[in-house]
Amino acid sequence: MHHPARLSAVVLLLAVAGCGSAAPSPAPSSATASVVVPSLPPVSPAPAGSSAPAASAVPAGPPHVMVIVMENREESDVVGRSDAPYTTSLANGYGFATHWYGVGHPSLPNYLAMVSGSTQGVSDDGTSYSFAGPTLVDQLAQRGIGWKAYMEDMPSVCFGGGSSGRYAKKHDPFMYFRSITATPAQCARVVPHGQLSGDLAAGTAPPFLWVTPNLCNDGHDCGNSTADSWLKGEMQLVMGSTWFKQGGSVIVTWDEGGSDSGCCNGAAAGGQIATIVVTAAGHRRLDGDGDHYGMLRALEEAYGVGVLGAAGTPANGDLRPLLAP
């Protein structure tokens, strides 16, 4: 959280390569990304029904970041919709990347891109793939930074099956990499979602957290209202925790939209998606084009590890300005 004496209106201008996107107003071929950091007060009023706390002093050590991945919605099909009031309130009250895109279709290539910087050549939702790695969480482990991935409806820790109930492996990128599945200490960090509340309550949640809802709560098989209600409950749990109060950031993104809209010199063509970053800084905007590789880049920068694959390409954007400092 910013020290009050340092708070002021700051505008950070980022030059990014122009890309084809459905912008609300005409843009030149070389788009300009802007981040607007508000002046006092540092925290916008919490969305209705949320329990956003004031952040306490950020402890020394790795940043606290959570990624929540929802499913199959264009930004325009979620933000501003009457059946997604909570999601809309997050977009209006916190950090919002206004020109963000999925990498492609269907789901799996997007999830692989988010953690490895590559689609690994995949263009379907197959469950038998196995890749060597590395991934973001391998980078974290090498630096001694803790992480955990919480999968709703996953029946057991390190479950390798293609599906179970409303758990789907295609939405669990960690189980596709041998650097995780063949390393017991790493695979033991991919767990059923039910462990999250206990970890947060006990103060044992590690610095990096990933959450995949089940096929209904992520919006894949169910409507906006169901996904919106689930997200509200999840965010209330997280934002009320000590983990979040210690300088936490929660990235809420969607894997892909319903269109082929894209950006980033052709690297992304998976539709324009909502990407929201909830921090104690409140309302901010990132207007430059970006995609899932730009989210991965931001995470790697935040944790001080090297960038993987396409995350190192500037044209793919960088979500870092929206994360907690």
C-alpha atoms as a PDB file:
ATOM      1  CA  MET A   1       0.000   0.000   0.000  1.00  0.00           C
ATOM      2  CA  HIS A   2       1.322   3.433  -0.836  1.00  0.00           C
ATOM      3  CA  HIS A   3       2.506   5.612   2.065  1.00  0.00           C
ATOM      4  CA  PRO A   4      -0.019   8.486   2.427  1.00  0.00           C
ATOM      5  CA  ALA A   5       2.738  11.053   2.086  1.00  0.00           C
ATOM      6  CA  ARG A   6       3.572   9.766  -1.312  1.00  0.00           C
ATOM      7  CA  LEU A   7       0.080   9.529  -2.756  1.00  0.00           C
ATOM      8  CA  SER A   8      -0.579  11.730  -5.709  1.00  0.00           C
ATOM      9  CA  ALA A   9      -2.093  11.493  -9.143  1.00  0.00           C
ATOM     10  CA  VAL A  10       0.447   9.729 -11.298  1.00  0.00           C
ATOM     11  CA  VAL A  11       0.105   8.842 -14.925  1.00  0.00           C
ATOM     12  CA  LEU A  12       2.377   6.146 -16.275  1.00  0.00           C
ATOM     13  CA  LEU A  13       2.613   6.024 -20.029  1.00  0.00           C
ATOM     14  CA  LEU A  14       3.594   2.769 -21.637  1.00  0.00           C
ATOM     15  CA  ALA A  15       4.282   2.525 -25.359  1.00  0.00           C
ATOM     16  CA  VAL A  16       3.060  -0.726 -26.830  1.00  0.00           C
ATOM     17  CA  ALA A  17       2.674  -1.955 -30.351  1.00  0.00           C
ATOM     18  CA  GLY A  18      -0.696  -1.377 -31.925  1.00  0.00           C
ATOM     19  CA  CYS A  19      -2.932  -4.357 -32.507  1.00  0.00           C
ATOM     20  CA  GLY A  20      -6.309  -5.002 -33.972  1.00  0.00           C
ATOM     21  CA  SER A  21      -8.800  -4.609 -31.116  1.00  0.00           C
ATOM     22  CA  ALA A  22     -12.290  -3.412 -30.558  1.00  0.00           C
ATOM     23  CA  ALA A  23     -11.379  -0.136 -28.872  1.00  0.00           C
ATOM     24  CA  PRO A  24     -14.134   2.218 -27.778  1.00  0.00           C
ATOM     25  CA  SER A  25     -12.658   4.982 -29.894  1.00  0.00           C
ATOM     26  CA  PRO A  26     -10.333   5.053 -32.913  1.00  0.00           C
ATOM     27  CA  ALA A  27      -6.697   4.480 -32.074  1.00  0.00           C
ATOM     28  CA  PRO A  28      -3.542   5.123 -34.092  1.00  0.00           C
ATOM     29  CA  SER A  29      -1.499   2.191 -35.329  1.00  0.00           C
ATOM     30  CA  SER A  30       0.835   2.507 -32.363  1.00  0.00           C
ATOM     31  CA  ALA A  31      -1.406   2.444 -29.289  1.00  0.00           C
ATOM     32  CA  THR A  32      -0.522   4.183 -26.054  1.00  0.00           C
ATOM     33  CA  ALA A  33      -1.099   2.357 -22.772  1.00  0.00           C
ATOM     34  CA  SER A  34      -2.032   4.477 -19.801  1.00  0.00           C
ATOM     35  CA  VAL A  35      -2.302   3.622 -16.162  1.00  0.00           C
ATOM     36  CA  VAL A  36      -4.154   6.112 -14.017  1.00  0.00           C
ATOM     37  CA  VAL A  37      -3.258   5.883 -10.346  1.00  0.00           C
ATOM     38  CA  PRO A  38      -5.771   7.814  -8.262  1.00  0.00           C
ATOM     39  CA  SER A  39      -5.011  10.426  -5.659  1.00  0.00           C
ATOM     40  CA  LEU A  40      -6.386  10.195  -2.107  1.00  0.00           C
ATOM     41  CA  PRO A  41      -8.045   8.083  -0.901  1.00  0.00           C
ATOM     42  CA  PRO A  42      -5.899   5.121  -1.977  1.00  0.00           C
ATOM     43  CA  VAL A  43      -8.666   2.534  -1.689  1.00  0.00           C
ATOM     44  CA  SER A  44     -11.922   2.980  -3.583  1.00  0.00           C
ATOM     45  CA  PRO A  45     -15.141   2.057  -1.781  1.00  0.00           C
ATOM     46  CA  ALA A  46     -15.582  -1.692  -1.816  1.00  0.00           C
ATOM     47  CA  PRO A  47     -18.119  -3.080  -4.287  1.00  0.00           C
ATOM     48  CA  ALA A  48     -21.510  -3.795  -2.783  1.00  0.00           C
ATOM     49  CA  GLY A  49     -21.423  -6.988  -0.773  1.00  0.00           C
ATOM     50  CA  SER A  50     -17.630  -7.245  -0.695  1.00  0.00           C
ATOM     51  CA  SER A  51     -15.441  -7.094   2.364  1.00  0.00           C
ATOM     52  CA  ALA A  52     -12.368  -5.300   1.075  1.00  0.00           C
ATOM     53  CA  PRO A  53     -10.099  -4.435   4.004  1.00  0.00           C
ATOM     54  CA  ALA A  54      -7.555  -1.695   4.253  1.00  0.00           C
ATOM     55  CA  ALA A  55      -4.162  -3.208   3.526  1.00  0.00           C
ATOM     56  CA  SER A  56      -1.680  -3.520   6.368  1.00  0.00           C
ATOM     57  CA  ALA A  57       2.036  -2.979   6.022  1.00  0.00           C
ATOM     58  CA  VAL A  58       3.509  -5.209   3.334  1.00  0.00           C
ATOM     59  CA  PRO A  59       5.927  -7.685   4.923  1.00  0.00           C
ATOM     60  CA  ALA A  60       9.390  -8.313   3.522  1.00  0.00           C
ATOM     61  CA  GLY A  61       9.425 -11.203   1.109  1.00  0.00           C
ATOM     62  CA  PRO A  62       7.710 -12.283  -2.121  1.00  0.00           C
ATOM     63  CA  PRO A  63       4.506 -10.508  -3.180  1.00  0.00           C
ATOM     64  CA  HIS A  64       1.117 -12.094  -2.646  1.00  0.00           C
ATOM     65  CA  VAL A  65      -0.645 -12.728  -5.959  1.00  0.00           C
ATOM     66  CA  MET A  66      -3.644 -14.894  -6.809  1.00  0.00           C
ATOM     67  CA  VAL A  67      -4.915 -15.768 -10.289  1.00  0.00           C
ATOM     68  CA  ILE A  68      -8.566 -16.791 -10.778  1.00  0.00           C
ATOM     69  CA  VAL A  69      -9.480 -18.005 -14.274  1.00  0.00           C
ATOM     70  CA  MET A  70     -13.072 -17.844 -15.469  1.00  0.00           C
ATOM     71  CA  GLU A  71     -14.404 -19.214 -18.766  1.00  0.00           C
ATOM     72  CA  ASN A  72     -15.651 -18.340 -22.222  1.00  0.00           C
ATOM     73  CA  ARG A  73     -16.874 -14.737 -22.143  1.00  0.00           C
ATOM     74  CA  GLU A  74     -16.129 -11.691 -24.216  1.00  0.00           C
ATOM     75  CA  GLU A  75     -15.546  -8.673 -22.013  1.00  0.00           C
ATOM     76  CA  SER A  76     -18.793  -7.143 -23.329  1.00  0.00           C
ATOM     77  CA  ASP A  77     -20.713 -10.256 -22.240  1.00  0.00           C
ATOM     78  CA  VAL A  78     -19.672  -9.778 -18.613  1.00  0.00           C
ATOM     79  CA  VAL A  79     -18.738  -6.217 -17.682  1.00  0.00           C
ATOM     80  CA  GLY A  80     -21.802  -3.996 -17.588  1.00  0.00           C
ATOM     81  CA  ARG A  81     -24.264  -6.878 -17.758  1.00  0.00           C
ATOM     82  CA  SER A  82     -27.186  -6.921 -15.333  1.00  0.00           C
ATOM     83  CA  ASP A  83     -26.579 -10.612 -14.591  1.00  0.00           C
ATOM     84  CA  ALA A  84     -22.964  -9.959 -13.551  1.00  0.00           C
ATOM     85  CA  PRO A  85     -23.256  -7.065 -11.065  1.00  0.00           C
ATOM     86  CA  TYR A  86     -20.412  -8.112  -8.793  1.00  0.00           C
ATOM     87  CA  THR A  87     -17.958  -8.660 -11.627  1.00  0.00           C
ATOM     88  CA  THR A  88     -18.932  -5.280 -13.056  1.00  0.00           C
ATOM     89  CA  SER A  89     -18.350  -3.634  -9.679  1.00  0.00           C
ATOM     90  CA  LEU A  90     -14.851  -5.108  -9.544  1.00  0.00           C
ATOM     91  CA  ALA A  91     -14.061  -3.783 -13.027  1.00  0.00           C
ATOM     92  CA  ASN A  92     -15.343  -0.347 -12.057  1.00  0.00           C
ATOM     93  CA  GLY A  93     -13.730  -0.207  -8.628  1.00  0.00           C
ATOM     94  CA  TYR A  94     -10.320  -1.783  -9.117  1.00  0.00           C
ATOM     95  CA  GLY A  95      -7.626  -2.301 -11.751  1.00  0.00           C
ATOM     96  CA  PHE A  96      -8.989  -3.068 -15.215  1.00  0.00           C
ATOM     97  CA  ALA A  97      -7.085  -3.945 -18.398  1.00  0.00           C
ATOM     98  CA  THR A  98      -9.374  -2.508 -21.048  1.00  0.00           C
ATOM     99  CA  HIS A  99      -7.795  -4.164 -24.120  1.00  0.00           C
ATOM    100  CA  TRP A 100      -6.849  -7.685 -23.076  1.00  0.00           C
ATOM    101  CA  TYR A 101      -7.197 -10.827 -25.204  1.00  0.00           C
ATOM    102  CA  GLY A 102      -7.187 -14.594 -25.069  1.00  0.00           C
ATOM    103  CA  VAL A 103      -4.410 -16.268 -27.043  1.00  0.00           C
ATOM    104  CA  GLY A 104      -6.690 -18.550 -29.039  1.00  0.00           C
ATOM    105  CA  HIS A 105      -9.326 -21.275 -28.938  1.00  0.00           C
ATOM    106  CA  PRO A 106     -10.251 -23.600 -27.293  1.00  0.00           C
ATOM    107  CA  SER A 107      -9.439 -23.504 -23.562  1.00  0.00           C
ATOM    108  CA  LEU A 108      -6.255 -25.518 -23.122  1.00  0.00           C
ATOM    109  CA  PRO A 109      -3.870 -23.425 -25.268  1.00  0.00           C
ATOM    110  CA  ASN A 110      -4.789 -20.383 -23.185  1.00  0.00           C
ATOM    111  CA  TYR A 111      -4.078 -22.102 -19.873  1.00  0.00           C
ATOM    112  CA  LEU A 112      -0.743 -23.437 -21.124  1.00  0.00           C
ATOM    113  CA  ALA A 113       0.209 -19.954 -22.322  1.00  0.00           C
ATOM    114  CA  MET A 114      -0.586 -18.455 -18.911  1.00  0.00           C
ATOM    115  CA  VAL A 115       1.933 -20.617 -17.075  1.00  0.00           C
ATOM    116  CA  SER A 116       4.603 -21.501 -19.654  1.00  0.00           C
ATOM    117  CA  GLY A 117       4.746 -18.695 -22.206  1.00  0.00           C
ATOM    118  CA  SER A 118       3.710 -21.052 -25.004  1.00  0.00           C
ATOM    119  CA  THR A 119       0.680 -22.962 -26.242  1.00  0.00           C
ATOM    120  CA  GLN A 120       3.088 -25.903 -26.639  1.00  0.00           C
ATOM    121  CA  GLY A 121       1.717 -26.335 -30.168  1.00  0.00           C
ATOM    122  CA  VAL A 122      -1.681 -27.417 -28.815  1.00  0.00           C
ATOM    123  CA  SER A 123      -4.891 -26.453 -30.597  1.00  0.00           C
ATOM    124  CA  ASP A 124      -7.411 -28.686 -28.795  1.00  0.00           C
ATOM    125  CA  ASP A 125      -8.472 -29.700 -25.285  1.00  0.00           C
ATOM    126  CA  GLY A 126      -6.676 -33.038 -25.157  1.00  0.00           C
ATOM    127  CA  THR A 127      -5.901 -34.540 -21.767  1.00  0.00           C
ATOM    128  CA  SER A 128      -3.010 -36.885 -22.667  1.00  0.00           C
ATOM    129  CA  TYR A 129      -0.363 -34.255 -23.424  1.00  0.00           C
ATOM    130  CA  SER A 130       2.791 -34.148 -21.315  1.00  0.00           C
ATOM    131  CA  PHE A 131       5.354 -31.373 -21.641  1.00  0.00           C
ATOM    132  CA  ALA A 132       8.786 -31.048 -20.101  1.00  0.00           C
ATOM    133  CA  GLY A 133       8.398 -27.513 -18.752  1.00  0.00           C
ATOM    134  CA  PRO A 134       9.522 -25.198 -17.286  1.00  0.00           C
ATOM    135  CA  THR A 135       6.584 -23.218 -15.963  1.00  0.00           C
ATOM    136  CA  LEU A 136       6.127 -20.182 -13.761  1.00  0.00           C
ATOM    137  CA  VAL A 137       5.768 -22.354 -10.666  1.00  0.00           C
ATOM    138  CA  ASP A 138       8.998 -24.195 -11.478  1.00  0.00           C
ATOM    139  CA  GLN A 139      10.672 -20.794 -11.550  1.00  0.00           C
ATOM    140  CA  LEU A 140       9.142 -19.978  -8.177  1.00  0.00           C
ATOM    141  CA  ALA A 141      10.237 -23.299  -6.674  1.00  0.00           C
ATOM    142  CA  GLN A 142      13.794 -22.721  -7.856  1.00  0.00           C
ATOM    143  CA  ARG A 143      13.778 -19.441  -5.960  1.00  0.00           C
ATOM    144  CA  GLY A 144      12.255 -20.987  -2.844  1.00  0.00           C
ATOM    145  CA  ILE A 145       8.954 -19.129  -3.325  1.00  0.00           C
ATOM    146  CA  GLY A 146       5.884 -21.072  -2.242  1.00  0.00           C
ATOM    147  CA  TRP A 147       2.865 -21.624  -4.476  1.00  0.00           C
ATOM    148  CA  LYS A 148      -0.343 -23.626  -4.525  1.00  0.00           C
ATOM    149  CA  ALA A 149      -3.063 -24.286  -7.125  1.00  0.00           C
ATOM    150  CA  TYR A 150      -6.615 -24.892  -5.902  1.00  0.00           C
ATOM    151  CA  MET A 151      -8.850 -26.856  -8.279  1.00  0.00           C
ATOM    152  CA  GLU A 152     -12.571 -26.969  -7.553  1.00  0.00           C
ATOM    153  CA  ASP A 153     -13.989 -30.535  -7.647  1.00  0.00           C
ATOM    154  CA  MET A 154     -10.531 -32.074  -8.015  1.00  0.00           C
ATOM    155  CA  PRO A 155     -10.983 -35.360  -6.103  1.00  0.00           C
ATOM    156  CA  SER A 156      -7.474 -35.653  -4.652  1.00  0.00           C
ATOM    157  CA  VAL A 157      -4.084 -33.982  -4.531  1.00  0.00           C
ATOM    158  CA  CYS A 158      -2.119 -34.346  -7.800  1.00  0.00           C
ATOM    159  CA  PHE A 159      -5.067 -36.058  -9.523  1.00  0.00           C
ATOM    160  CA  GLY A 160      -4.000 -37.021 -13.035  1.00  0.00           C
ATOM    161  CA  GLY A 161      -7.320 -37.961 -14.594  1.00  0.00           C
ATOM    162  CA  GLY A 162      -8.995 -36.074 -17.420  1.00  0.00           C
ATOM    163  CA  SER A 163     -12.115 -35.219 -15.427  1.00  0.00           C
ATOM    164  CA  SER A 164     -14.006 -35.862 -12.224  1.00  0.00           C
ATOM    165  CA  GLY A 165     -17.418 -34.400 -11.495  1.00  0.00           C
ATOM    166  CA  ARG A 166     -17.097 -30.831 -12.734  1.00  0.00           C
ATOM    167  CA  TYR A 167     -13.307 -30.791 -12.547  1.00  0.00           C
ATOM    168  CA  ALA A 168     -11.673 -30.696 -15.988  1.00  0.00           C
ATOM    169  CA  LYS A 169      -7.969 -31.238 -16.568  1.00  0.00           C
ATOM    170  CA  LYS A 170      -8.097 -28.896 -19.576  1.00  0.00           C
ATOM    171  CA  HIS A 171      -8.533 -26.050 -17.065  1.00  0.00           C
ATOM    172  CA  ASP A 172      -5.641 -27.253 -14.887  1.00  0.00           C
ATOM    173  CA  PRO A 173      -2.428 -26.452 -16.775  1.00  0.00           C
ATOM    174  CA  PHE A 174      -0.133 -27.703 -14.007  1.00  0.00           C
ATOM    175  CA  MET A 175      -1.024 -31.328 -14.615  1.00  0.00           C
ATOM    176  CA  TYR A 176       0.342 -31.160 -18.171  1.00  0.00           C
ATOM    177  CA  PHE A 177       3.978 -30.569 -17.207  1.00  0.00           C
ATOM    178  CA  ARG A 178       6.371 -33.325 -16.117  1.00  0.00           C
ATOM    179  CA  SER A 179       8.391 -30.751 -14.188  1.00  0.00           C
ATOM    180  CA  ILE A 180       5.376 -30.758 -11.838  1.00  0.00           C
ATOM    181  CA  THR A 181       3.753 -34.180 -12.174  1.00  0.00           C
ATOM    182  CA  ALA A 182       7.051 -36.085 -11.888  1.00  0.00           C
ATOM    183  CA  THR A 183       8.226 -34.068  -8.889  1.00  0.00           C
ATOM    184  CA  PRO A 184       6.254 -35.094  -5.791  1.00  0.00           C
ATOM    185  CA  ALA A 185       6.946 -31.882  -3.895  1.00  0.00           C
ATOM    186  CA  GLN A 186       5.619 -29.840  -6.809  1.00  0.00           C
ATOM    187  CA  CYS A 187       2.621 -32.034  -7.623  1.00  0.00           C
ATOM    188  CA  ALA A 188       1.561 -31.994  -3.969  1.00  0.00           C
ATOM    189  CA  ARG A 189       0.842 -28.285  -4.435  1.00  0.00           C
ATOM    190  CA  VAL A 190      -2.010 -28.964  -6.908  1.00  0.00           C
ATOM    191  CA  VAL A 191      -4.878 -29.552  -4.516  1.00  0.00           C
ATOM    192  CA  PRO A 192      -8.667 -29.621  -4.167  1.00  0.00           C
ATOM    193  CA  HIS A 193     -10.175 -26.148  -3.816  1.00  0.00           C
ATOM    194  CA  GLY A 194     -11.559 -26.947  -0.375  1.00  0.00           C
ATOM    195  CA  GLN A 195      -8.094 -26.403   1.107  1.00  0.00           C
ATOM    196  CA  LEU A 196      -8.102 -22.695   0.278  1.00  0.00           C
ATOM    197  CA  SER A 197     -10.301 -21.463   3.117  1.00  0.00           C
ATOM    198  CA  GLY A 198      -8.274 -23.381   5.698  1.00  0.00           C
ATOM    199  CA  ASP A 199      -4.960 -22.142   4.328  1.00  0.00           C
ATOM    200  CA  LEU A 200      -6.143 -18.535   4.384  1.00  0.00           C
ATOM    201  CA  ALA A 201      -7.606 -18.847   7.884  1.00  0.00           C
ATOM    202  CA  ALA A 202      -4.456 -20.483   9.254  1.00  0.00           C
ATOM    203  CA  GLY A 203      -2.128 -17.993   7.578  1.00  0.00           C
ATOM    204  CA  THR A 204      -0.369 -20.783   5.700  1.00  0.00           C
ATOM    205  CA  ALA A 205      -1.319 -19.758   2.151  1.00  0.00           C
ATOM    206  CA  PRO A 206       1.893 -19.309   0.133  1.00  0.00           C
ATOM    207  CA  PRO A 207       2.782 -16.162  -1.833  1.00  0.00           C
ATOM    208  CA  PHE A 208       1.450 -17.344  -5.228  1.00  0.00           C
ATOM    209  CA  LEU A 209      -2.032 -18.855  -5.476  1.00  0.00           C
ATOM    210  CA  TRP A 210      -4.016 -20.104  -8.475  1.00  0.00           C
ATOM    211  CA  VAL A 211      -7.740 -20.897  -8.446  1.00  0.00           C
ATOM    212  CA  THR A 212      -9.706 -22.779 -11.099  1.00  0.00           C
ATOM    213  CA  PRO A 213     -13.470 -22.973 -10.410  1.00  0.00           C
ATOM    214  CA  ASN A 214     -15.458 -25.987 -11.555  1.00  0.00           C
ATOM    215  CA  LEU A 215     -17.193 -26.143 -14.933  1.00  0.00           C
ATOM    216  CA  CYS A 216     -20.333 -24.469 -13.617  1.00  0.00           C
ATOM    217  CA  ASN A 217     -18.876 -21.796 -11.364  1.00  0.00           C
ATOM    218  CA  ASP A 218     -16.383 -20.625 -13.984  1.00  0.00           C
ATOM    219  CA  GLY A 219     -19.221 -19.928 -16.441  1.00  0.00           C
ATOM    220  CA  HIS A 220     -18.325 -22.723 -18.855  1.00  0.00           C
ATOM    221  CA  ASP A 221     -21.512 -24.731 -18.329  1.00  0.00           C
ATOM    222  CA  CYS A 222     -23.602 -22.217 -16.369  1.00  0.00           C
ATOM    223  CA  GLY A 223     -24.715 -18.632 -16.815  1.00  0.00           C
ATOM    224  CA  ASN A 224     -23.321 -15.289 -15.753  1.00  0.00           C
ATOM    225  CA  SER A 225     -25.361 -15.103 -12.576  1.00  0.00           C
ATOM    226  CA  THR A 226     -23.941 -18.382 -11.258  1.00  0.00           C
ATOM    227  CA  ALA A 227     -20.359 -17.410 -12.059  1.00  0.00           C
ATOM    228  CA  ASP A 228     -20.878 -13.925 -10.642  1.00  0.00           C
ATOM    229  CA  SER A 229     -22.253 -15.286  -7.354  1.00  0.00           C
ATOM    230  CA  TRP A 230     -19.381 -17.738  -7.027  1.00  0.00           C
ATOM    231  CA  LEU A 231     -16.827 -15.004  -7.707  1.00  0.00           C
ATOM    232  CA  LYS A 232     -18.418 -12.775  -5.066  1.00  0.00           C
ATOM    233  CA  GLY A 233     -18.106 -15.483  -2.427  1.00  0.00           C
ATOM    234  CA  GLU A 234     -14.529 -16.280  -3.419  1.00  0.00           C
ATOM    235  CA  MET A 235     -13.431 -12.664  -3.373  1.00  0.00           C
ATOM    236  CA  GLN A 236     -15.047 -12.027   0.016  1.00  0.00           C
ATOM    237  CA  LEU A 237     -13.107 -14.980   1.397  1.00  0.00           C
ATOM    238  CA  VAL A 238      -9.810 -13.784  -0.069  1.00  0.00           C
ATOM    239  CA  MET A 239     -10.184 -10.057   0.595  1.00  0.00           C
ATOM    240  CA  GLY A 240     -11.026 -10.706   4.242  1.00  0.00           C
ATOM    241  CA  SER A 241      -7.803 -12.657   4.765  1.00  0.00           C
ATOM    242  CA  THR A 242      -4.485 -11.601   6.250  1.00  0.00           C
ATOM    243  CA  TRP A 243      -2.886 -12.929   3.052  1.00  0.00           C
ATOM    244  CA  PHE A 244      -4.663 -10.226   0.996  1.00  0.00           C
ATOM    245  CA  LYS A 245      -4.173  -7.480   3.570  1.00  0.00           C
ATOM    246  CA  GLN A 246      -0.424  -7.954   3.294  1.00  0.00           C
ATOM    247  CA  GLY A 247      -0.200  -6.217  -0.066  1.00  0.00           C
ATOM    248  CA  GLY A 248      -2.186  -8.801  -2.023  1.00  0.00           C
ATOM    249  CA  SER A 249      -3.218  -8.704  -5.672  1.00  0.00           C
ATOM    250  CA  VAL A 250      -5.990 -10.850  -7.168  1.00  0.00           C
ATOM    251  CA  ILE A 251      -6.071 -11.196 -10.953  1.00  0.00           C
ATOM    252  CA  VAL A 252      -9.470 -12.271 -12.306  1.00  0.00           C
ATOM    253  CA  THR A 253      -9.270 -13.161 -15.987  1.00  0.00           C
ATOM    254  CA  TRP A 254     -11.111 -15.245 -18.582  1.00  0.00           C
ATOM    255  CA  ASP A 255      -9.462 -17.905 -20.711  1.00  0.00           C
ATOM    256  CA  GLU A 256     -11.046 -16.840 -24.020  1.00  0.00           C
ATOM    257  CA  GLY A 257     -13.907 -14.884 -25.493  1.00  0.00           C
ATOM    258  CA  GLY A 258     -16.485 -15.906 -28.034  1.00  0.00           C
ATOM    259  CA  SER A 259     -14.856 -14.070 -30.936  1.00  0.00           C
ATOM    260  CA  ASP A 260     -11.540 -14.210 -32.770  1.00  0.00           C
ATOM    261  CA  SER A 261     -10.614 -10.635 -31.874  1.00  0.00           C
ATOM    262  CA  GLY A 262      -6.949 -10.294 -31.120  1.00  0.00           C
ATOM    263  CA  CYS A 263      -3.887  -8.169 -30.784  1.00  0.00           C
ATOM    264  CA  CYS A 264      -0.194  -8.200 -30.284  1.00  0.00           C
ATOM    265  CA  ASN A 265       1.121  -8.697 -33.819  1.00  0.00           C
ATOM    266  CA  GLY A 266      -1.021 -11.769 -34.269  1.00  0.00           C
ATOM    267  CA  ALA A 267       0.041 -13.523 -31.050  1.00  0.00           C
ATOM    268  CA  ALA A 268      -3.507 -13.400 -29.717  1.00  0.00           C
ATOM    269  CA  ALA A 269      -6.779 -14.189 -31.471  1.00  0.00           C
ATOM    270  CA  GLY A 270      -8.921 -15.567 -28.669  1.00  0.00           C
ATOM    271  CA  GLY A 271     -11.402 -12.740 -28.225  1.00  0.00           C
ATOM    272  CA  GLN A 272     -11.375  -9.654 -26.020  1.00  0.00           C
ATOM    273  CA  ILE A 273     -11.592 -10.714 -22.378  1.00  0.00           C
ATOM    274  CA  ALA A 274     -12.102  -8.926 -19.090  1.00  0.00           C
ATOM    275  CA  THR A 275      -8.999  -8.885 -16.909  1.00  0.00           C
ATOM    276  CA  ILE A 276      -9.401  -7.305 -13.469  1.00  0.00           C
ATOM    277  CA  VAL A 277      -6.738  -6.771 -10.809  1.00  0.00           C
ATOM    278  CA  VAL A 278      -7.982  -6.214  -7.271  1.00  0.00           C
ATOM    279  CA  THR A 279      -5.559  -4.440  -4.916  1.00  0.00           C
ATOM    280  CA  ALA A 280      -5.758  -1.879  -2.135  1.00  0.00           C
ATOM    281  CA  ALA A 281      -4.882   0.801  -4.711  1.00  0.00           C
ATOM    282  CA  GLY A 282      -8.486   0.758  -5.894  1.00  0.00           C
ATOM    283  CA  HIS A 283      -9.520   2.155  -9.277  1.00  0.00           C
ATOM    284  CA  ARG A 284      -6.869   2.040 -12.025  1.00  0.00           C
ATOM    285  CA  ARG A 285      -6.855   1.434 -15.780  1.00  0.00           C
ATOM    286  CA  LEU A 286      -4.386  -0.141 -18.173  1.00  0.00           C
ATOM    287  CA  ASP A 287      -5.356   0.820 -21.714  1.00  0.00           C
ATOM    288  CA  GLY A 288      -2.644  -0.862 -23.776  1.00  0.00           C
ATOM    289  CA  ASP A 289      -3.152  -4.109 -25.688  1.00  0.00           C
ATOM    290  CA  GLY A 290      -2.090  -7.336 -24.018  1.00  0.00           C
ATOM    291  CA  ASP A 291      -2.793 -11.041 -23.712  1.00  0.00           C
ATOM    292  CA  HIS A 292      -2.137 -14.022 -21.435  1.00  0.00           C
ATOM    293  CA  TYR A 293       1.570 -13.767 -22.139  1.00  0.00           C
ATOM    294  CA  GLY A 294       1.459 -10.226 -20.772  1.00  0.00           C
ATOM    295  CA  MET A 295      -0.078 -11.551 -17.564  1.00  0.00           C
ATOM    296  CA  LEU A 296       2.668 -14.161 -17.242  1.00  0.00           C
ATOM    297  CA  ARG A 297       5.283 -11.466 -17.823  1.00  0.00           C
ATOM    298  CA  ALA A 298       3.790  -9.406 -14.995  1.00  0.00           C
ATOM    299  CA  LEU A 299       3.905 -12.353 -12.598  1.00  0.00           C
ATOM    300  CA  GLU A 300       7.507 -13.154 -13.499  1.00  0.00           C
ATOM    301  CA  GLU A 301       8.510  -9.528 -13.055  1.00  0.00           C
ATOM    302  CA  ALA A 302       6.721  -9.319  -9.708  1.00  0.00           C
ATOM    303  CA  TYR A 303       8.565 -12.383  -8.394  1.00  0.00           C
ATOM    304  CA  GLY A 304      11.900 -11.460  -9.936  1.00  0.00           C
ATOM    305  CA  VAL A 305      12.319 -14.501 -12.175  1.00  0.00           C
ATOM    306  CA  GLY A 306      13.172 -14.693 -15.867  1.00  0.00           C
ATOM    307  CA  VAL A 307      10.500 -14.494 -18.545  1.00  0.00           C
ATOM    308  CA  LEU A 308       9.398 -17.624 -20.379  1.00  0.00           C
ATOM    309  CA  GLY A 309       8.736 -17.833 -24.112  1.00  0.00           C
ATOM    310  CA  ALA A 310       6.337 -15.258 -25.537  1.00  0.00           C
ATOM    311  CA  ALA A 311       6.101 -13.506 -22.176  1.00  0.00           C
ATOM    312  CA  GLY A 312       9.357 -11.860 -23.205  1.00  0.00           C
ATOM    313  CA  THR A 313       7.830 -10.251 -26.308  1.00  0.00           C
ATOM    314  CA  PRO A 314       6.942  -6.601 -25.576  1.00  0.00           C
ATOM    315  CA  ALA A 315       4.072  -6.620 -28.090  1.00  0.00           C
ATOM    316  CA  ASN A 316       2.186  -9.028 -25.824  1.00  0.00           C
ATOM    317  CA  GLY A 317       1.779  -6.352 -23.181  1.00  0.00           C
ATOM    318  CA  ASP A 318       2.526  -6.287 -19.470  1.00  0.00           C
ATOM    319  CA  LEU A 319      -0.061  -6.368 -16.680  1.00  0.00           C
ATOM    320  CA  ARG A 320       2.541  -5.400 -14.067  1.00  0.00           C
ATOM    321  CA  PRO A 321       1.374  -1.761 -13.583  1.00  0.00           C
ATOM    322  CA  LEU A 322      -1.928  -2.990 -12.147  1.00  0.00           C
ATOM    323  CA  LEU A 323      -0.386  -5.283  -9.543  1.00  0.00           C
ATOM    324  CA  ALA A 324       0.280  -4.078  -6.012  1.00  0.00           C
ATOM    325  CA  PRO A 325       3.636  -2.272  -5.784  1.00  0.00           C
END
